[in-house]
């Protein structure tokens, strides 16, 4: 009996030390691998500038919003030309033709590529200019108190027309680089006539948009 008990104790100790079941458990077909994030989980979804077609990016690193054309069939690299001034039509846009007392005009720019080929253009706020006049009197310029102007290069397809994503609001006061933080004279109402002209990338609008203030 003593010999049998001694053999049983030795067997239990051997099983505890070697643990032969541990290898089988790690190789079990039912074991699930540790989850890891897929590339799609970490990819960034970047906004595409107006006039530019979205293209997949190889990584999550943001690149400048400049359109790169696809290579030609022969493999020779090409670049999209800059827009020629003669191929650009710039138009001023207002949301109303007359404004009641206290109503603030909302101003926008429309831009059309009238050429036969696609082209690139800087349409950022650094190249935009809104001007409001009454007769020969310049009442307001958007550049007088502009803060943090930015550049934005976009692709304009041949014949494409784009406009401001959000209108610019005029507070009905006379602008001046010296009065950006202080009180400014209010524009007269009572049916007074005003005109909006715009400019983008050095190209001025052919005409103006007239409106009345009451």
N, C-alpha and C. Protein backbone atom coordinates (compact mmCIF):
# COMPACT_ATOMS: atom_id res chain seq x y z
N UNK A 1 0.83 -1.21 0.00
CA UNK A 1 0.00 0.00 0.00
C UNK A 1 0.86 1.25 0.00
N UNK A 2 1.90 1.22 0.78
CA UNK A 2 2.79 2.40 0.83
C UNK A 2 3.39 2.66 -0.53
N UNK A 3 3.77 1.59 -1.25
CA UNK A 3 4.35 1.73 -2.58
C UNK A 3 3.35 2.30 -3.57
N UNK A 4 2.08 1.84 -3.50
CA UNK A 4 1.03 2.35 -4.41
C UNK A 4 0.79 3.82 -4.16
N UNK A 5 0.72 4.21 -2.91
CA UNK A 5 0.48 5.62 -2.57
C UNK A 5 1.63 6.47 -3.05
N UNK A 6 2.86 6.01 -2.90
CA UNK A 6 4.03 6.75 -3.34
C UNK A 6 4.03 6.96 -4.84
N UNK A 7 3.65 5.91 -5.61
CA UNK A 7 3.58 6.03 -7.08
C UNK A 7 2.51 7.05 -7.49
N UNK A 8 1.37 7.06 -6.80
CA UNK A 8 0.28 8.00 -7.14
C UNK A 8 0.72 9.43 -6.87
N UNK A 9 1.44 9.65 -5.77
CA UNK A 9 1.91 11.01 -5.45
C UNK A 9 2.89 11.48 -6.50
N UNK A 10 3.81 10.61 -6.93
CA UNK A 10 4.80 10.98 -7.95
C UNK A 10 4.10 11.32 -9.26
N UNK A 11 3.06 10.58 -9.62
CA UNK A 11 2.33 10.85 -10.88
C UNK A 11 1.65 12.20 -10.85
N UNK A 12 1.02 12.55 -9.71
CA UNK A 12 0.34 13.84 -9.59
C UNK A 12 1.34 14.98 -9.69
N UNK A 13 2.49 14.84 -9.03
CA UNK A 13 3.52 15.88 -9.09
C UNK A 13 4.02 16.05 -10.50
N UNK A 14 4.22 14.94 -11.23
CA UNK A 14 4.70 15.03 -12.62
C UNK A 14 3.69 15.75 -13.51
N UNK A 15 2.40 15.50 -13.33
CA UNK A 15 1.35 16.17 -14.13
C UNK A 15 1.32 17.66 -13.86
N UNK A 16 1.50 18.04 -12.60
CA UNK A 16 1.47 19.46 -12.26
C UNK A 16 2.66 20.21 -12.86
N UNK A 17 3.81 19.53 -12.93
CA UNK A 17 5.01 20.19 -13.45
C UNK A 17 4.99 20.29 -14.96
N UNK A 18 4.65 19.25 -15.65
CA UNK A 18 4.73 19.23 -17.13
C UNK A 18 3.53 19.87 -17.78
N UNK A 19 2.32 19.83 -17.18
CA UNK A 19 1.09 20.41 -17.74
C UNK A 19 0.92 20.07 -19.23
N UNK A 20 0.79 18.82 -19.57
CA UNK A 20 0.69 18.43 -20.99
C UNK A 20 -0.54 18.97 -21.67
N UNK A 21 -1.53 19.41 -20.91
CA UNK A 21 -2.76 19.92 -21.54
C UNK A 21 -2.62 21.35 -22.07
N UNK A 22 -1.56 22.11 -21.62
CA UNK A 22 -1.45 23.52 -22.02
C UNK A 22 -1.22 23.68 -23.50
N UNK A 23 -0.42 22.83 -24.15
CA UNK A 23 -0.18 22.93 -25.58
C UNK A 23 -1.41 22.67 -26.38
N UNK A 24 -2.21 21.71 -25.95
CA UNK A 24 -3.43 21.39 -26.67
C UNK A 24 -4.41 22.53 -26.60
N UNK A 25 -4.48 23.22 -25.46
CA UNK A 25 -5.42 24.32 -25.32
C UNK A 25 -5.05 25.46 -26.23
N UNK A 26 -3.75 25.77 -26.38
CA UNK A 26 -3.34 26.88 -27.23
C UNK A 26 -3.55 26.60 -28.69
N UNK A 27 -3.61 25.32 -29.08
CA UNK A 27 -3.80 24.95 -30.47
C UNK A 27 -5.23 24.56 -30.78
N UNK A 28 -6.14 24.85 -29.87
CA UNK A 28 -7.54 24.46 -30.05
C UNK A 28 -8.13 25.17 -31.26
N UNK A 29 -8.84 24.44 -32.15
CA UNK A 29 -9.42 25.08 -33.34
C UNK A 29 -10.50 26.07 -33.00
N UNK A 30 -11.05 26.02 -31.79
CA UNK A 30 -12.12 26.93 -31.41
C UNK A 30 -11.60 28.25 -30.85
N UNK A 31 -10.29 28.33 -30.62
CA UNK A 31 -9.74 29.56 -30.06
C UNK A 31 -9.80 30.67 -31.08
N UNK A 32 -10.20 31.88 -30.67
CA UNK A 32 -10.33 33.03 -31.57
C UNK A 32 -9.09 33.89 -31.49
N UNK A 33 -8.52 34.33 -32.64
CA UNK A 33 -7.33 35.19 -32.61
C UNK A 33 -7.67 36.55 -32.02
N UNK A 34 -6.69 37.23 -31.49
CA UNK A 34 -6.88 38.55 -30.89
C UNK A 34 -7.26 39.55 -31.97
N UNK A 35 -8.30 40.35 -31.72
CA UNK A 35 -8.77 41.31 -32.72
C UNK A 35 -7.76 42.44 -32.88
N UNK A 36 -7.55 42.87 -34.14
CA UNK A 36 -6.66 43.99 -34.43
C UNK A 36 -7.38 44.95 -35.35
N UNK A 37 -7.14 46.24 -35.24
CA UNK A 37 -7.85 47.21 -36.07
C UNK A 37 -7.52 47.05 -37.54
N UNK A 38 -8.55 47.15 -38.38
CA UNK A 38 -8.34 47.06 -39.82
C UNK A 38 -7.96 48.43 -40.35
N UNK A 39 -7.36 48.48 -41.56
CA UNK A 39 -6.99 49.79 -42.11
C UNK A 39 -8.16 50.76 -42.21
N UNK A 40 -9.37 50.23 -42.45
CA UNK A 40 -10.53 51.10 -42.60
C UNK A 40 -10.90 51.77 -41.28
N UNK A 41 -10.56 51.16 -40.17
CA UNK A 41 -10.93 51.72 -38.87
C UNK A 41 -10.11 52.96 -38.53
N UNK A 42 -8.92 53.09 -39.11
CA UNK A 42 -8.06 54.21 -38.79
C UNK A 42 -7.94 55.22 -39.94
N UNK A 43 -8.58 54.92 -41.08
CA UNK A 43 -8.50 55.84 -42.22
C UNK A 43 -9.31 57.10 -41.94
N UNK A 44 -8.81 58.23 -42.41
CA UNK A 44 -9.52 59.49 -42.24
C UNK A 44 -10.36 59.79 -43.46
N UNK A 45 -11.52 60.33 -43.23
CA UNK A 45 -12.39 60.79 -44.32
C UNK A 45 -12.21 62.28 -44.46
N UNK A 46 -11.53 62.73 -45.53
CA UNK A 46 -11.20 64.13 -45.70
C UNK A 46 -12.21 64.82 -46.60
N UNK A 47 -12.58 66.06 -46.30
CA UNK A 47 -13.47 66.80 -47.20
C UNK A 47 -12.76 67.11 -48.50
N UNK A 48 -13.51 67.13 -49.60
CA UNK A 48 -12.94 67.39 -50.92
C UNK A 48 -13.28 68.82 -51.32
N UNK A 49 -12.31 69.63 -51.73
CA UNK A 49 -12.60 71.01 -52.15
C UNK A 49 -13.58 71.05 -53.31
N UNK A 50 -14.30 72.15 -53.42
CA UNK A 50 -15.30 72.30 -54.46
C UNK A 50 -14.65 72.12 -55.82
N UNK A 51 -15.32 71.35 -56.67
CA UNK A 51 -14.83 71.12 -58.02
C UNK A 51 -13.84 69.99 -58.13
N UNK A 52 -13.48 69.32 -57.01
CA UNK A 52 -12.48 68.26 -57.06
C UNK A 52 -13.14 66.92 -56.79
N UNK A 53 -12.80 65.88 -57.57
CA UNK A 53 -13.37 64.56 -57.40
C UNK A 53 -12.62 63.82 -56.31
N UNK A 54 -13.36 63.08 -55.42
CA UNK A 54 -12.68 62.36 -54.36
C UNK A 54 -11.88 61.20 -54.91
N UNK A 55 -10.68 60.96 -54.35
CA UNK A 55 -9.85 59.85 -54.75
C UNK A 55 -9.39 59.14 -53.50
N UNK A 56 -9.26 57.78 -53.53
CA UNK A 56 -8.79 57.06 -52.34
C UNK A 56 -7.36 57.44 -52.01
N UNK A 57 -7.06 57.57 -50.71
CA UNK A 57 -5.71 57.88 -50.28
C UNK A 57 -5.06 56.63 -49.72
N UNK A 58 -3.74 56.40 -49.94
CA UNK A 58 -3.10 55.19 -49.47
C UNK A 58 -2.88 55.16 -47.98
N UNK A 59 -2.98 56.28 -47.30
CA UNK A 59 -2.77 56.30 -45.86
C UNK A 59 -3.67 57.34 -45.25
N UNK A 60 -3.59 57.45 -43.91
CA UNK A 60 -4.44 58.40 -43.20
C UNK A 60 -3.83 59.79 -43.16
N UNK A 61 -2.73 60.02 -43.82
CA UNK A 61 -2.08 61.33 -43.82
C UNK A 61 -2.77 62.26 -44.79
N UNK A 62 -3.17 63.45 -44.32
CA UNK A 62 -3.86 64.41 -45.18
C UNK A 62 -2.87 65.04 -46.14
N UNK A 63 -3.29 65.23 -47.38
CA UNK A 63 -2.44 65.87 -48.37
C UNK A 63 -3.07 67.18 -48.79
N UNK A 64 -2.28 68.11 -49.33
CA UNK A 64 -2.84 69.39 -49.77
C UNK A 64 -3.91 69.18 -50.83
N UNK A 65 -4.97 70.04 -50.83
CA UNK A 65 -6.08 69.86 -51.77
C UNK A 65 -5.72 70.28 -53.18
N UNK A 66 -4.74 69.62 -53.77
CA UNK A 66 -4.35 69.90 -55.15
C UNK A 66 -4.65 68.67 -55.98
N UNK A 67 -5.35 68.87 -57.06
CA UNK A 67 -5.74 67.76 -57.91
C UNK A 67 -4.58 67.31 -58.78
N UNK A 68 -4.29 66.02 -58.78
CA UNK A 68 -3.25 65.46 -59.64
C UNK A 68 -3.93 64.63 -60.72
N UNK A 69 -3.81 64.99 -61.99
CA UNK A 69 -4.45 64.23 -63.05
C UNK A 69 -3.84 62.85 -63.22
N UNK A 70 -4.63 61.93 -63.73
CA UNK A 70 -4.14 60.58 -63.97
C UNK A 70 -3.12 60.58 -65.10
N UNK A 71 -2.16 59.63 -65.07
CA UNK A 71 -1.16 59.58 -66.14
C UNK A 71 -1.79 59.22 -67.48
N UNK A 72 -1.18 59.67 -68.54
CA UNK A 72 -1.66 59.36 -69.89
C UNK A 72 -1.38 57.90 -70.20
N UNK A 73 -2.07 57.31 -71.21
CA UNK A 73 -1.84 55.90 -71.56
C UNK A 73 -0.38 55.59 -71.85
N UNK A 74 0.38 56.54 -72.37
CA UNK A 74 1.78 56.28 -72.70
C UNK A 74 2.68 56.30 -71.48
N UNK A 75 2.10 56.73 -70.32
CA UNK A 75 2.88 56.77 -69.10
C UNK A 75 3.55 58.11 -68.86
N UNK A 76 3.40 59.08 -69.77
CA UNK A 76 3.99 60.39 -69.61
C UNK A 76 3.16 61.22 -68.64
N UNK A 77 3.80 61.78 -67.62
CA UNK A 77 3.07 62.56 -66.62
C UNK A 77 2.61 63.89 -67.21
N UNK A 78 1.40 64.31 -66.83
CA UNK A 78 0.87 65.59 -67.28
C UNK A 78 0.39 66.36 -66.06
N UNK A 79 0.25 67.67 -66.20
CA UNK A 79 -0.28 68.50 -65.12
C UNK A 79 -1.43 69.32 -65.67
N UNK A 80 -2.42 69.53 -64.83
CA UNK A 80 -3.56 70.35 -65.23
C UNK A 80 -3.14 71.80 -65.25
N UNK A 81 -3.40 72.53 -66.33
CA UNK A 81 -2.94 73.92 -66.42
C UNK A 81 -3.73 74.83 -65.48
N UNK A 82 -3.13 75.95 -65.15
CA UNK A 82 -3.83 76.97 -64.38
C UNK A 82 -4.88 77.64 -65.26
N UNK A 83 -5.96 78.06 -64.66
CA UNK A 83 -7.04 78.68 -65.43
C UNK A 83 -6.58 80.02 -66.00
N UNK A 84 -6.92 80.26 -67.25
CA UNK A 84 -6.65 81.55 -67.88
C UNK A 84 -7.75 82.53 -67.52
N UNK A 85 -7.38 83.77 -67.29
CA UNK A 85 -8.37 84.79 -66.91
C UNK A 85 -9.49 84.91 -67.93
N UNK A 86 -9.16 84.77 -69.21
CA UNK A 86 -10.17 84.90 -70.26
C UNK A 86 -11.19 83.77 -70.24
N UNK A 87 -10.86 82.67 -69.55
CA UNK A 87 -11.77 81.52 -69.49
C UNK A 87 -12.58 81.49 -68.20
N UNK A 88 -12.54 82.57 -67.42
CA UNK A 88 -13.25 82.61 -66.14
C UNK A 88 -14.35 83.67 -66.17
N UNK A 89 -15.53 83.28 -65.74
CA UNK A 89 -16.65 84.21 -65.60
C UNK A 89 -16.97 84.34 -64.12
N UNK A 90 -16.84 85.55 -63.59
CA UNK A 90 -17.09 85.81 -62.18
C UNK A 90 -18.35 86.66 -62.05
N UNK A 91 -19.26 86.24 -61.17
CA UNK A 91 -20.55 86.93 -61.02
C UNK A 91 -20.84 87.22 -59.56
N UNK A 92 -21.36 88.42 -59.24
CA UNK A 92 -21.81 88.72 -57.89
C UNK A 92 -23.23 88.19 -57.66
N UNK A 93 -23.48 87.68 -56.47
CA UNK A 93 -24.81 87.13 -56.15
C UNK A 93 -25.30 87.72 -54.84
N UNK A 94 -26.55 88.17 -54.79
CA UNK A 94 -27.20 88.63 -53.56
C UNK A 94 -28.46 87.81 -53.35
N UNK A 95 -28.87 87.66 -52.10
CA UNK A 95 -30.03 86.81 -51.82
C UNK A 95 -31.36 87.54 -52.03
N UNK A 96 -31.33 88.88 -52.08
CA UNK A 96 -32.54 89.66 -52.32
C UNK A 96 -32.21 90.88 -53.15
N UNK A 97 -33.24 91.51 -53.69
CA UNK A 97 -33.04 92.76 -54.42
C UNK A 97 -33.36 93.98 -53.56
N UNK A 98 -34.06 93.78 -52.44
CA UNK A 98 -34.39 94.86 -51.52
C UNK A 98 -34.42 94.31 -50.11
N UNK A 99 -33.97 95.11 -49.15
CA UNK A 99 -33.87 94.68 -47.76
C UNK A 99 -34.60 95.67 -46.85
N UNK A 100 -35.44 95.13 -45.99
CA UNK A 100 -36.13 95.96 -45.01
C UNK A 100 -35.14 96.47 -43.97
N UNK A 101 -35.56 97.41 -43.19
CA UNK A 101 -34.72 97.96 -42.14
C UNK A 101 -34.26 96.85 -41.19
N UNK A 102 -32.98 96.77 -40.97
CA UNK A 102 -32.43 95.74 -40.08
C UNK A 102 -32.02 94.47 -40.79
N UNK A 103 -32.48 94.22 -41.99
CA UNK A 103 -32.08 93.03 -42.74
C UNK A 103 -30.66 93.21 -43.30
N UNK A 104 -29.87 92.16 -43.21
CA UNK A 104 -28.48 92.23 -43.67
C UNK A 104 -28.31 91.46 -44.98
N UNK A 105 -27.80 92.11 -46.01
CA UNK A 105 -27.60 91.43 -47.30
C UNK A 105 -26.60 90.28 -47.18
N UNK A 106 -26.88 89.20 -47.89
CA UNK A 106 -26.00 88.04 -47.94
C UNK A 106 -25.36 87.99 -49.33
N UNK A 107 -24.05 87.96 -49.36
CA UNK A 107 -23.29 88.13 -50.59
C UNK A 107 -22.55 86.84 -50.94
N UNK A 108 -22.52 86.52 -52.23
CA UNK A 108 -21.83 85.31 -52.70
C UNK A 108 -21.14 85.59 -54.02
N UNK A 109 -20.28 84.64 -54.42
CA UNK A 109 -19.57 84.69 -55.69
C UNK A 109 -19.92 83.45 -56.50
N UNK A 110 -20.18 83.62 -57.79
CA UNK A 110 -20.33 82.49 -58.72
C UNK A 110 -19.14 82.52 -59.67
N UNK A 111 -18.60 81.34 -59.96
CA UNK A 111 -17.42 81.23 -60.81
C UNK A 111 -17.65 80.13 -61.83
N UNK A 112 -17.41 80.44 -63.11
CA UNK A 112 -17.62 79.48 -64.19
C UNK A 112 -16.36 79.37 -65.04
N UNK A 113 -15.98 78.12 -65.33
CA UNK A 113 -14.88 77.87 -66.27
C UNK A 113 -15.50 77.80 -67.66
N UNK A 114 -15.38 78.86 -68.43
CA UNK A 114 -15.97 78.92 -69.76
C UNK A 114 -15.06 78.32 -70.83
N UNK A 115 -13.89 77.83 -70.43
CA UNK A 115 -12.95 77.25 -71.39
C UNK A 115 -13.32 75.83 -71.78
N UNK A 116 -12.52 75.27 -72.67
CA UNK A 116 -12.77 73.92 -73.19
C UNK A 116 -11.96 72.85 -72.45
N UNK A 117 -11.12 73.25 -71.51
CA UNK A 117 -10.28 72.27 -70.81
C UNK A 117 -10.41 72.48 -69.30
N UNK A 118 -10.13 71.43 -68.54
CA UNK A 118 -10.09 71.54 -67.09
C UNK A 118 -8.90 72.39 -66.68
N UNK A 119 -9.02 73.08 -65.54
CA UNK A 119 -7.91 73.91 -65.08
C UNK A 119 -7.97 74.05 -63.57
N UNK A 120 -6.86 74.51 -62.98
CA UNK A 120 -6.80 74.68 -61.54
C UNK A 120 -6.77 76.16 -61.19
N UNK A 121 -7.31 76.48 -59.99
CA UNK A 121 -7.40 77.87 -59.58
C UNK A 121 -7.41 77.96 -58.06
N UNK A 122 -6.79 78.99 -57.53
CA UNK A 122 -6.84 79.27 -56.10
C UNK A 122 -8.11 80.07 -55.81
N UNK A 123 -9.08 79.43 -55.17
CA UNK A 123 -10.36 80.08 -54.88
C UNK A 123 -10.50 80.38 -53.39
N UNK A 124 -9.40 80.34 -52.65
CA UNK A 124 -9.44 80.58 -51.21
C UNK A 124 -9.84 82.02 -50.88
N UNK A 125 -10.09 82.26 -49.61
CA UNK A 125 -10.51 83.59 -49.19
C UNK A 125 -9.41 84.63 -49.42
N UNK A 126 -8.17 84.17 -49.58
CA UNK A 126 -7.07 85.10 -49.84
C UNK A 126 -7.18 85.73 -51.22
N UNK A 127 -7.98 85.14 -52.11
CA UNK A 127 -8.12 85.68 -53.47
C UNK A 127 -9.48 86.30 -53.72
N UNK A 128 -10.36 86.30 -52.70
CA UNK A 128 -11.73 86.81 -52.88
C UNK A 128 -11.84 88.26 -52.38
N UNK A 129 -12.65 89.02 -53.07
CA UNK A 129 -12.88 90.41 -52.67
C UNK A 129 -14.31 90.82 -53.01
N UNK A 130 -15.04 91.31 -52.01
CA UNK A 130 -16.39 91.83 -52.18
C UNK A 130 -16.34 93.34 -51.97
N UNK A 131 -16.97 94.08 -52.85
CA UNK A 131 -16.99 95.54 -52.72
C UNK A 131 -18.41 96.06 -52.91
N UNK A 132 -18.86 96.92 -52.01
CA UNK A 132 -20.19 97.53 -52.10
C UNK A 132 -20.03 99.03 -52.28
N UNK A 133 -20.69 99.54 -53.30
CA UNK A 133 -20.62 100.97 -53.60
C UNK A 133 -22.02 101.55 -53.69
N UNK A 134 -22.08 102.86 -53.54
CA UNK A 134 -23.31 103.61 -53.79
C UNK A 134 -22.91 104.81 -54.63
N UNK A 135 -23.24 104.76 -55.90
CA UNK A 135 -22.71 105.76 -56.82
C UNK A 135 -21.21 105.57 -56.96
N UNK A 136 -20.45 106.65 -56.76
CA UNK A 136 -18.99 106.54 -56.81
C UNK A 136 -18.37 106.33 -55.43
N UNK A 137 -19.22 106.24 -54.42
CA UNK A 137 -18.76 106.11 -53.04
C UNK A 137 -18.58 104.63 -52.68
N UNK A 138 -17.36 104.25 -52.30
CA UNK A 138 -17.11 102.88 -51.84
C UNK A 138 -17.49 102.77 -50.37
N UNK A 139 -18.51 101.96 -50.08
CA UNK A 139 -19.01 101.83 -48.72
C UNK A 139 -18.34 100.72 -47.93
N UNK A 140 -18.02 99.62 -48.61
CA UNK A 140 -17.55 98.46 -47.83
C UNK A 140 -16.69 97.56 -48.70
N UNK A 141 -15.59 97.07 -48.13
CA UNK A 141 -14.72 96.07 -48.77
C UNK A 141 -14.52 94.90 -47.80
N UNK A 142 -14.63 93.70 -48.30
CA UNK A 142 -14.46 92.53 -47.44
C UNK A 142 -13.02 92.38 -46.97
N UNK A 143 -12.07 92.98 -47.70
CA UNK A 143 -10.66 92.84 -47.35
C UNK A 143 -10.19 93.84 -46.30
N UNK A 144 -11.01 94.83 -45.98
CA UNK A 144 -10.58 95.86 -45.03
C UNK A 144 -10.30 95.28 -43.64
N UNK A 145 -11.14 94.37 -43.20
CA UNK A 145 -10.99 93.79 -41.86
C UNK A 145 -10.94 92.27 -41.91
N UNK A 146 -10.41 91.74 -42.99
CA UNK A 146 -10.35 90.28 -43.15
C UNK A 146 -9.31 89.69 -42.20
N UNK A 147 -9.66 88.55 -41.60
CA UNK A 147 -8.74 87.87 -40.69
C UNK A 147 -8.48 86.45 -41.19
N UNK A 148 -7.24 86.01 -41.10
CA UNK A 148 -6.81 84.65 -41.45
C UNK A 148 -7.25 84.22 -42.85
N UNK A 149 -6.89 84.96 -43.89
CA UNK A 149 -7.21 84.50 -45.24
C UNK A 149 -6.47 83.21 -45.55
N UNK A 150 -7.09 82.36 -46.37
CA UNK A 150 -6.50 81.06 -46.67
C UNK A 150 -6.54 80.78 -48.17
N UNK A 151 -5.67 79.87 -48.61
CA UNK A 151 -5.63 79.45 -50.00
C UNK A 151 -6.36 78.12 -50.15
N UNK A 152 -6.91 77.89 -51.33
CA UNK A 152 -7.54 76.61 -51.65
C UNK A 152 -7.47 76.39 -53.15
N UNK A 153 -6.63 75.45 -53.58
CA UNK A 153 -6.49 75.13 -55.00
C UNK A 153 -7.52 74.07 -55.37
N UNK A 154 -8.29 74.33 -56.41
CA UNK A 154 -9.32 73.38 -56.83
C UNK A 154 -9.22 73.15 -58.33
N UNK A 155 -9.84 72.06 -58.74
CA UNK A 155 -9.94 71.75 -60.16
C UNK A 155 -11.30 72.18 -60.67
N UNK A 156 -11.31 73.00 -61.71
CA UNK A 156 -12.55 73.42 -62.35
C UNK A 156 -12.66 72.69 -63.69
N UNK A 157 -13.67 71.86 -63.81
CA UNK A 157 -13.87 71.16 -65.07
C UNK A 157 -14.36 72.14 -66.13
N UNK A 158 -14.11 71.82 -67.37
CA UNK A 158 -14.56 72.68 -68.47
C UNK A 158 -16.08 72.86 -68.39
N UNK A 159 -16.53 74.10 -68.38
CA UNK A 159 -17.95 74.39 -68.32
C UNK A 159 -18.55 74.35 -66.93
N UNK A 160 -17.76 74.03 -65.91
CA UNK A 160 -18.30 73.90 -64.55
C UNK A 160 -18.55 75.26 -63.91
N UNK A 161 -19.65 75.37 -63.16
CA UNK A 161 -20.00 76.59 -62.42
C UNK A 161 -20.10 76.26 -60.94
N UNK A 162 -19.41 77.02 -60.12
CA UNK A 162 -19.45 76.81 -58.68
C UNK A 162 -19.78 78.15 -58.01
N UNK A 163 -20.21 78.08 -56.75
CA UNK A 163 -20.53 79.30 -56.02
C UNK A 163 -20.13 79.14 -54.57
N UNK A 164 -20.21 80.22 -53.81
CA UNK A 164 -19.78 80.22 -52.41
C UNK A 164 -20.53 79.16 -51.62
N UNK A 165 -19.79 78.44 -50.77
CA UNK A 165 -20.44 77.43 -49.93
C UNK A 165 -21.34 78.07 -48.90
N UNK A 166 -20.95 79.23 -48.40
CA UNK A 166 -21.76 79.97 -47.43
C UNK A 166 -21.65 81.46 -47.77
N UNK A 167 -22.76 82.20 -47.75
CA UNK A 167 -22.71 83.62 -48.10
C UNK A 167 -22.00 84.45 -47.04
N UNK A 168 -21.51 85.60 -47.47
CA UNK A 168 -20.88 86.57 -46.58
C UNK A 168 -21.91 87.65 -46.26
N UNK A 169 -22.07 87.96 -44.99
CA UNK A 169 -23.10 88.91 -44.56
C UNK A 169 -22.52 90.31 -44.36
N UNK A 170 -23.17 91.29 -44.96
CA UNK A 170 -22.77 92.69 -44.78
C UNK A 170 -23.58 93.29 -43.64
N UNK A 171 -22.90 93.93 -42.71
CA UNK A 171 -23.58 94.49 -41.53
C UNK A 171 -24.14 95.89 -41.77
N UNK A 172 -24.15 96.34 -43.02
CA UNK A 172 -24.73 97.64 -43.40
C UNK A 172 -23.97 98.81 -42.77
N UNK A 173 -22.64 98.68 -42.67
CA UNK A 173 -21.82 99.78 -42.16
C UNK A 173 -20.71 100.09 -43.16
N UNK A 174 -20.09 101.24 -43.00
CA UNK A 174 -18.96 101.62 -43.84
C UNK A 174 -17.69 100.97 -43.26
N UNK A 175 -16.93 100.27 -44.12
CA UNK A 175 -15.73 99.59 -43.64
C UNK A 175 -14.52 100.51 -43.74
N UNK A 176 -13.53 100.21 -42.90
CA UNK A 176 -12.27 100.93 -42.91
C UNK A 176 -11.27 100.11 -42.12
N UNK A 177 -10.04 100.08 -42.57
CA UNK A 177 -9.02 99.32 -41.85
C UNK A 177 -8.76 99.93 -40.47
N UNK A 178 -9.19 101.18 -40.25
CA UNK A 178 -8.95 101.86 -38.98
C UNK A 178 -10.11 101.69 -38.00
N UNK A 179 -11.22 101.10 -38.46
CA UNK A 179 -12.39 100.99 -37.58
C UNK A 179 -12.87 99.55 -37.45
N UNK A 180 -11.96 98.59 -37.58
CA UNK A 180 -12.36 97.18 -37.51
C UNK A 180 -12.89 96.79 -36.14
N UNK A 181 -12.39 97.44 -35.10
CA UNK A 181 -12.80 97.10 -33.74
C UNK A 181 -13.74 98.12 -33.13
N UNK A 182 -13.99 99.23 -33.81
CA UNK A 182 -14.81 100.29 -33.23
C UNK A 182 -16.13 100.47 -33.95
N UNK A 183 -16.86 101.51 -33.58
CA UNK A 183 -18.14 101.83 -34.21
C UNK A 183 -17.89 102.37 -35.61
N UNK A 184 -18.82 102.03 -36.50
CA UNK A 184 -18.70 102.48 -37.89
C UNK A 184 -20.02 103.07 -38.34
N UNK A 185 -19.98 104.03 -39.26
CA UNK A 185 -21.21 104.66 -39.74
C UNK A 185 -22.12 103.65 -40.43
N UNK A 186 -23.41 103.78 -40.17
CA UNK A 186 -24.39 102.89 -40.82
C UNK A 186 -24.74 103.41 -42.20
N UNK A 187 -24.98 102.46 -43.12
CA UNK A 187 -25.36 102.84 -44.48
C UNK A 187 -26.79 103.38 -44.49
N UNK A 188 -27.05 104.47 -45.20
CA UNK A 188 -28.40 105.02 -45.28
C UNK A 188 -29.37 104.04 -45.92
N UNK A 189 -30.61 104.06 -45.44
CA UNK A 189 -31.67 103.24 -46.01
C UNK A 189 -32.64 104.11 -46.78
N UNK A 190 -33.93 103.86 -46.57
CA UNK A 190 -34.96 104.65 -47.23
C UNK A 190 -35.03 104.45 -48.73
N UNK A 191 -34.58 103.27 -49.20
CA UNK A 191 -34.61 103.01 -50.64
C UNK A 191 -33.32 103.37 -51.35
N UNK A 192 -32.24 103.60 -50.58
CA UNK A 192 -30.95 103.93 -51.20
C UNK A 192 -30.44 102.74 -52.01
N UNK A 193 -29.82 103.04 -53.14
CA UNK A 193 -29.34 102.00 -54.07
C UNK A 193 -27.86 101.70 -53.83
N UNK A 194 -27.54 100.41 -53.86
CA UNK A 194 -26.15 99.96 -53.68
C UNK A 194 -25.83 98.92 -54.75
N UNK A 195 -24.53 98.74 -55.01
CA UNK A 195 -24.09 97.76 -56.00
C UNK A 195 -22.99 96.88 -55.41
N UNK A 196 -23.07 95.58 -55.70
CA UNK A 196 -22.06 94.63 -55.27
C UNK A 196 -21.23 94.19 -56.47
N UNK A 197 -19.91 94.32 -56.36
CA UNK A 197 -18.98 93.75 -57.33
C UNK A 197 -18.07 92.77 -56.60
N UNK A 198 -17.57 91.78 -57.31
CA UNK A 198 -16.73 90.76 -56.68
C UNK A 198 -15.50 90.50 -57.53
N UNK A 199 -14.53 89.88 -56.90
CA UNK A 199 -13.28 89.53 -57.57
C UNK A 199 -12.76 88.24 -56.97
N UNK A 200 -12.19 87.38 -57.82
CA UNK A 200 -11.57 86.15 -57.32
C UNK A 200 -10.37 85.82 -58.20
N UNK A 201 -9.26 85.53 -57.54
CA UNK A 201 -8.01 85.18 -58.23
C UNK A 201 -7.60 86.25 -59.23
N UNK A 202 -7.87 87.50 -58.91
CA UNK A 202 -7.49 88.60 -59.78
C UNK A 202 -8.45 88.88 -60.92
N UNK A 203 -9.54 88.11 -61.02
CA UNK A 203 -10.52 88.30 -62.08
C UNK A 203 -11.74 89.01 -61.50
N UNK A 204 -12.08 90.16 -62.04
CA UNK A 204 -13.21 90.94 -61.54
C UNK A 204 -14.50 90.54 -62.27
N UNK A 205 -15.61 90.75 -61.58
CA UNK A 205 -16.90 90.48 -62.21
C UNK A 205 -17.15 91.50 -63.32
N UNK A 206 -17.80 91.06 -64.39
CA UNK A 206 -18.08 91.96 -65.51
C UNK A 206 -19.04 93.08 -65.13
N UNK A 207 -20.00 92.77 -64.29
CA UNK A 207 -20.99 93.76 -63.88
C UNK A 207 -21.18 93.74 -62.39
N UNK A 208 -22.26 94.35 -61.93
CA UNK A 208 -22.56 94.42 -60.51
C UNK A 208 -23.98 93.94 -60.27
N UNK A 209 -24.26 93.63 -59.01
CA UNK A 209 -25.61 93.27 -58.59
C UNK A 209 -26.18 94.42 -57.78
N UNK A 210 -27.31 94.98 -58.24
CA UNK A 210 -27.90 96.14 -57.56
C UNK A 210 -28.91 95.67 -56.51
N UNK A 211 -28.96 96.40 -55.39
CA UNK A 211 -29.98 96.12 -54.37
C UNK A 211 -30.31 97.42 -53.64
N UNK A 212 -31.43 97.40 -52.95
CA UNK A 212 -31.92 98.58 -52.24
C UNK A 212 -31.98 98.31 -50.75
N UNK A 213 -31.65 99.32 -49.98
CA UNK A 213 -31.77 99.25 -48.51
C UNK A 213 -32.89 100.14 -48.03
N UNK A 214 -33.75 99.62 -47.14
CA UNK A 214 -34.83 100.41 -46.55
C UNK A 214 -34.64 100.47 -45.04
